[in-house]
């Protein structure tokens, strides 16, 4: 298991998500705690980097990074289009 940490900048983004995004976001949180490397690389120039993105629901995107040695995931940004 990984510990999920929500960056303070992401908290208001989460608070402003529509109700339809909350269920998929909860599922994403569970996934990030168990399989954070399932996301896609944030930058194409370094596909093995620890900064990743993951979609959720029909229109959500999360940006996060993984600290493997600490078993931590840090959620930086959440967007809903």
N, C-alpha and C. Protein backbone atom coordinates (compact mmCIF):
# COMPACT_ATOMS: atom_id res chain seq x y z
N UNK A 1 0.84 -1.19 0.00
CA UNK A 1 0.00 0.00 0.00
C UNK A 1 0.88 1.25 0.00
N UNK A 2 0.38 2.25 -0.67
CA UNK A 2 1.02 3.55 -0.70
C UNK A 2 0.16 4.54 0.08
N UNK A 3 0.81 5.50 0.68
CA UNK A 3 0.07 6.56 1.36
C UNK A 3 -0.22 7.66 0.35
N UNK A 4 -1.49 8.05 0.24
CA UNK A 4 -1.89 9.11 -0.68
C UNK A 4 -1.91 10.43 0.07
N UNK A 5 -1.18 11.41 -0.45
CA UNK A 5 -1.12 12.76 0.12
C UNK A 5 -1.67 13.73 -0.91
N UNK A 6 -2.64 14.53 -0.52
CA UNK A 6 -3.24 15.53 -1.41
C UNK A 6 -2.55 16.86 -1.15
N UNK A 7 -1.94 17.41 -2.18
CA UNK A 7 -1.27 18.71 -2.08
C UNK A 7 -2.31 19.78 -1.78
N UNK A 8 -1.95 20.79 -0.96
CA UNK A 8 -2.92 21.85 -0.65
C UNK A 8 -3.51 22.55 -1.87
N UNK A 9 -2.75 22.66 -2.96
CA UNK A 9 -3.29 23.28 -4.17
C UNK A 9 -4.39 22.43 -4.81
N UNK A 10 -4.37 21.13 -4.59
CA UNK A 10 -5.37 20.24 -5.19
C UNK A 10 -6.67 20.21 -4.38
N UNK A 11 -6.62 20.59 -3.11
CA UNK A 11 -7.82 20.53 -2.28
C UNK A 11 -8.97 21.38 -2.82
N UNK A 12 -8.75 22.66 -3.19
CA UNK A 12 -9.87 23.42 -3.75
C UNK A 12 -10.33 22.89 -5.11
N UNK A 13 -9.42 22.31 -5.86
CA UNK A 13 -9.81 21.71 -7.14
C UNK A 13 -10.77 20.55 -6.90
N UNK A 14 -10.48 19.75 -5.90
CA UNK A 14 -11.36 18.63 -5.55
C UNK A 14 -12.70 19.14 -5.03
N UNK A 15 -12.65 20.19 -4.22
CA UNK A 15 -13.88 20.75 -3.65
C UNK A 15 -14.82 21.29 -4.72
N UNK A 16 -14.27 21.70 -5.86
CA UNK A 16 -15.10 22.27 -6.92
C UNK A 16 -15.49 21.26 -8.01
N UNK A 17 -15.16 20.00 -7.82
CA UNK A 17 -15.56 18.99 -8.81
C UNK A 17 -17.07 18.81 -8.78
N UNK A 18 -17.68 18.49 -9.91
CA UNK A 18 -19.11 18.20 -9.91
C UNK A 18 -19.38 16.87 -9.19
N UNK A 19 -20.61 16.71 -8.74
CA UNK A 19 -20.99 15.50 -8.00
C UNK A 19 -20.68 14.23 -8.79
N UNK A 20 -20.85 14.26 -10.10
CA UNK A 20 -20.62 13.08 -10.93
C UNK A 20 -19.16 12.64 -10.94
N UNK A 21 -18.24 13.51 -10.51
CA UNK A 21 -16.82 13.18 -10.50
C UNK A 21 -16.38 12.53 -9.20
N UNK A 22 -17.16 12.63 -8.15
CA UNK A 22 -16.72 12.19 -6.84
C UNK A 22 -16.55 10.69 -6.72
N UNK A 23 -17.47 9.92 -7.28
CA UNK A 23 -17.33 8.46 -7.27
C UNK A 23 -16.09 8.00 -8.01
N UNK A 24 -15.91 8.44 -9.26
CA UNK A 24 -14.69 8.07 -9.99
C UNK A 24 -13.41 8.55 -9.30
N UNK A 25 -13.46 9.71 -8.64
CA UNK A 25 -12.28 10.19 -7.93
C UNK A 25 -11.96 9.27 -6.74
N UNK A 26 -12.97 8.83 -6.03
CA UNK A 26 -12.75 7.89 -4.93
C UNK A 26 -12.13 6.58 -5.44
N UNK A 27 -12.59 6.13 -6.59
CA UNK A 27 -12.00 4.93 -7.19
C UNK A 27 -10.55 5.16 -7.57
N UNK A 28 -10.25 6.35 -8.09
CA UNK A 28 -8.87 6.68 -8.44
C UNK A 28 -8.01 6.70 -7.18
N UNK A 29 -8.50 7.27 -6.10
CA UNK A 29 -7.74 7.30 -4.85
C UNK A 29 -7.39 5.88 -4.42
N UNK A 30 -8.34 4.97 -4.48
CA UNK A 30 -8.09 3.58 -4.10
C UNK A 30 -7.03 2.96 -5.02
N UNK A 31 -7.10 3.27 -6.31
CA UNK A 31 -6.12 2.75 -7.25
C UNK A 31 -4.72 3.30 -6.97
N UNK A 32 -4.64 4.59 -6.68
CA UNK A 32 -3.33 5.20 -6.41
C UNK A 32 -2.69 4.64 -5.15
N UNK A 33 -3.50 4.19 -4.22
CA UNK A 33 -2.97 3.59 -2.99
C UNK A 33 -2.44 2.18 -3.21
N UNK A 34 -2.86 1.55 -4.29
CA UNK A 34 -2.44 0.17 -4.54
C UNK A 34 -1.58 0.00 -5.79
N UNK A 35 -1.84 0.79 -6.82
CA UNK A 35 -1.11 0.64 -8.09
C UNK A 35 -0.84 2.00 -8.74
N UNK A 36 -0.06 2.85 -8.09
CA UNK A 36 0.15 4.19 -8.64
C UNK A 36 0.90 4.23 -9.96
N UNK A 37 1.67 3.19 -10.26
CA UNK A 37 2.43 3.18 -11.50
C UNK A 37 1.55 2.84 -12.71
N UNK A 38 0.25 2.69 -12.50
CA UNK A 38 -0.66 2.39 -13.61
C UNK A 38 -0.96 3.62 -14.46
N UNK A 39 -0.53 4.80 -14.02
CA UNK A 39 -0.75 6.02 -14.78
C UNK A 39 0.18 6.13 -15.97
N UNK A 40 0.00 7.20 -16.71
CA UNK A 40 0.84 7.48 -17.87
C UNK A 40 1.88 8.53 -17.50
N UNK A 41 3.05 8.47 -18.13
CA UNK A 41 4.09 9.47 -17.83
C UNK A 41 3.59 10.89 -18.12
N UNK A 42 3.95 11.82 -17.26
CA UNK A 42 3.56 13.22 -17.44
C UNK A 42 4.27 13.83 -18.63
N UNK A 43 5.53 13.50 -18.81
CA UNK A 43 6.31 14.02 -19.93
C UNK A 43 6.77 12.90 -20.84
N UNK A 44 6.64 13.10 -22.11
CA UNK A 44 7.04 12.08 -23.08
C UNK A 44 8.56 11.92 -23.16
N UNK A 45 9.30 12.97 -22.79
CA UNK A 45 10.76 12.90 -22.90
C UNK A 45 11.37 11.96 -21.87
N UNK A 46 10.66 11.66 -20.78
CA UNK A 46 11.18 10.75 -19.76
C UNK A 46 10.06 9.81 -19.32
N UNK A 47 9.78 8.78 -20.08
CA UNK A 47 8.65 7.90 -19.78
C UNK A 47 8.81 7.08 -18.50
N UNK A 48 10.00 7.05 -17.92
CA UNK A 48 10.20 6.29 -16.68
C UNK A 48 10.23 7.19 -15.44
N UNK A 49 9.88 8.46 -15.60
CA UNK A 49 9.88 9.41 -14.49
C UNK A 49 8.78 9.06 -13.49
N UNK A 50 8.89 9.63 -12.32
CA UNK A 50 7.91 9.32 -11.27
C UNK A 50 6.73 10.29 -11.26
N UNK A 51 6.67 11.24 -12.18
CA UNK A 51 5.50 12.11 -12.30
C UNK A 51 4.59 11.52 -13.37
N UNK A 52 3.32 11.31 -12.99
CA UNK A 52 2.38 10.59 -13.84
C UNK A 52 1.04 11.32 -13.91
N UNK A 53 0.24 10.91 -14.89
CA UNK A 53 -1.14 11.37 -14.99
C UNK A 53 -2.05 10.14 -15.02
N UNK A 54 -3.27 10.34 -14.58
CA UNK A 54 -4.25 9.26 -14.64
C UNK A 54 -5.62 9.88 -14.88
N UNK A 55 -6.35 9.30 -15.81
CA UNK A 55 -7.72 9.76 -16.04
C UNK A 55 -8.65 9.11 -15.03
N UNK A 56 -9.79 9.77 -14.81
CA UNK A 56 -10.83 9.18 -13.97
C UNK A 56 -12.19 9.67 -14.46
N UNK A 57 -13.17 8.81 -14.35
CA UNK A 57 -14.49 9.15 -14.85
C UNK A 57 -14.45 9.43 -16.34
N UNK A 58 -15.43 10.22 -16.78
CA UNK A 58 -15.50 10.55 -18.21
C UNK A 58 -14.68 11.75 -18.60
N UNK A 59 -14.32 12.60 -17.62
CA UNK A 59 -13.66 13.85 -17.99
C UNK A 59 -12.61 14.30 -16.99
N UNK A 60 -12.11 13.40 -16.16
CA UNK A 60 -11.16 13.80 -15.12
C UNK A 60 -9.72 13.44 -15.46
N UNK A 61 -8.83 14.27 -14.94
CA UNK A 61 -7.40 14.03 -15.09
C UNK A 61 -6.72 14.42 -13.79
N UNK A 62 -5.87 13.54 -13.29
CA UNK A 62 -5.10 13.80 -12.09
C UNK A 62 -3.61 13.77 -12.44
N UNK A 63 -2.85 14.65 -11.81
CA UNK A 63 -1.40 14.69 -11.96
C UNK A 63 -0.80 14.42 -10.58
N UNK A 64 0.15 13.51 -10.53
CA UNK A 64 0.71 13.11 -9.24
C UNK A 64 2.13 12.59 -9.44
N UNK A 65 2.85 12.46 -8.33
CA UNK A 65 4.15 11.81 -8.41
C UNK A 65 4.26 10.76 -7.32
N UNK A 66 5.13 9.79 -7.58
CA UNK A 66 5.30 8.65 -6.69
C UNK A 66 6.70 8.69 -6.09
N UNK A 67 6.76 8.56 -4.77
CA UNK A 67 8.02 8.38 -4.07
C UNK A 67 8.07 6.92 -3.64
N UNK A 68 8.74 6.11 -4.45
CA UNK A 68 8.71 4.67 -4.27
C UNK A 68 9.33 4.24 -2.94
N UNK A 69 10.48 4.76 -2.60
CA UNK A 69 11.14 4.33 -1.37
C UNK A 69 10.30 4.64 -0.13
N UNK A 70 9.56 5.75 -0.17
CA UNK A 70 8.71 6.13 0.96
C UNK A 70 7.32 5.52 0.86
N UNK A 71 7.02 4.90 -0.28
CA UNK A 71 5.69 4.34 -0.55
C UNK A 71 4.61 5.42 -0.42
N UNK A 72 4.87 6.57 -1.08
CA UNK A 72 3.96 7.70 -1.04
C UNK A 72 3.56 8.12 -2.45
N UNK A 73 2.33 8.60 -2.55
CA UNK A 73 1.80 9.20 -3.77
C UNK A 73 1.36 10.61 -3.40
N UNK A 74 1.79 11.59 -4.17
CA UNK A 74 1.45 12.99 -3.91
C UNK A 74 0.60 13.51 -5.07
N UNK A 75 -0.66 13.76 -4.79
CA UNK A 75 -1.60 14.28 -5.79
C UNK A 75 -1.42 15.78 -5.89
N UNK A 76 -1.06 16.26 -7.09
CA UNK A 76 -0.75 17.67 -7.30
C UNK A 76 -1.89 18.46 -7.91
N UNK A 77 -2.62 17.86 -8.84
CA UNK A 77 -3.64 18.60 -9.59
C UNK A 77 -4.76 17.65 -9.98
N UNK A 78 -5.98 18.20 -9.95
CA UNK A 78 -7.16 17.46 -10.39
C UNK A 78 -7.95 18.38 -11.31
N UNK A 79 -8.29 17.89 -12.50
CA UNK A 79 -9.06 18.68 -13.46
C UNK A 79 -10.26 17.90 -13.93
N UNK A 80 -11.32 18.61 -14.23
CA UNK A 80 -12.52 18.01 -14.81
C UNK A 80 -12.94 18.89 -15.97
N UNK A 81 -13.04 18.31 -17.14
CA UNK A 81 -13.40 19.08 -18.34
C UNK A 81 -14.87 18.99 -18.65
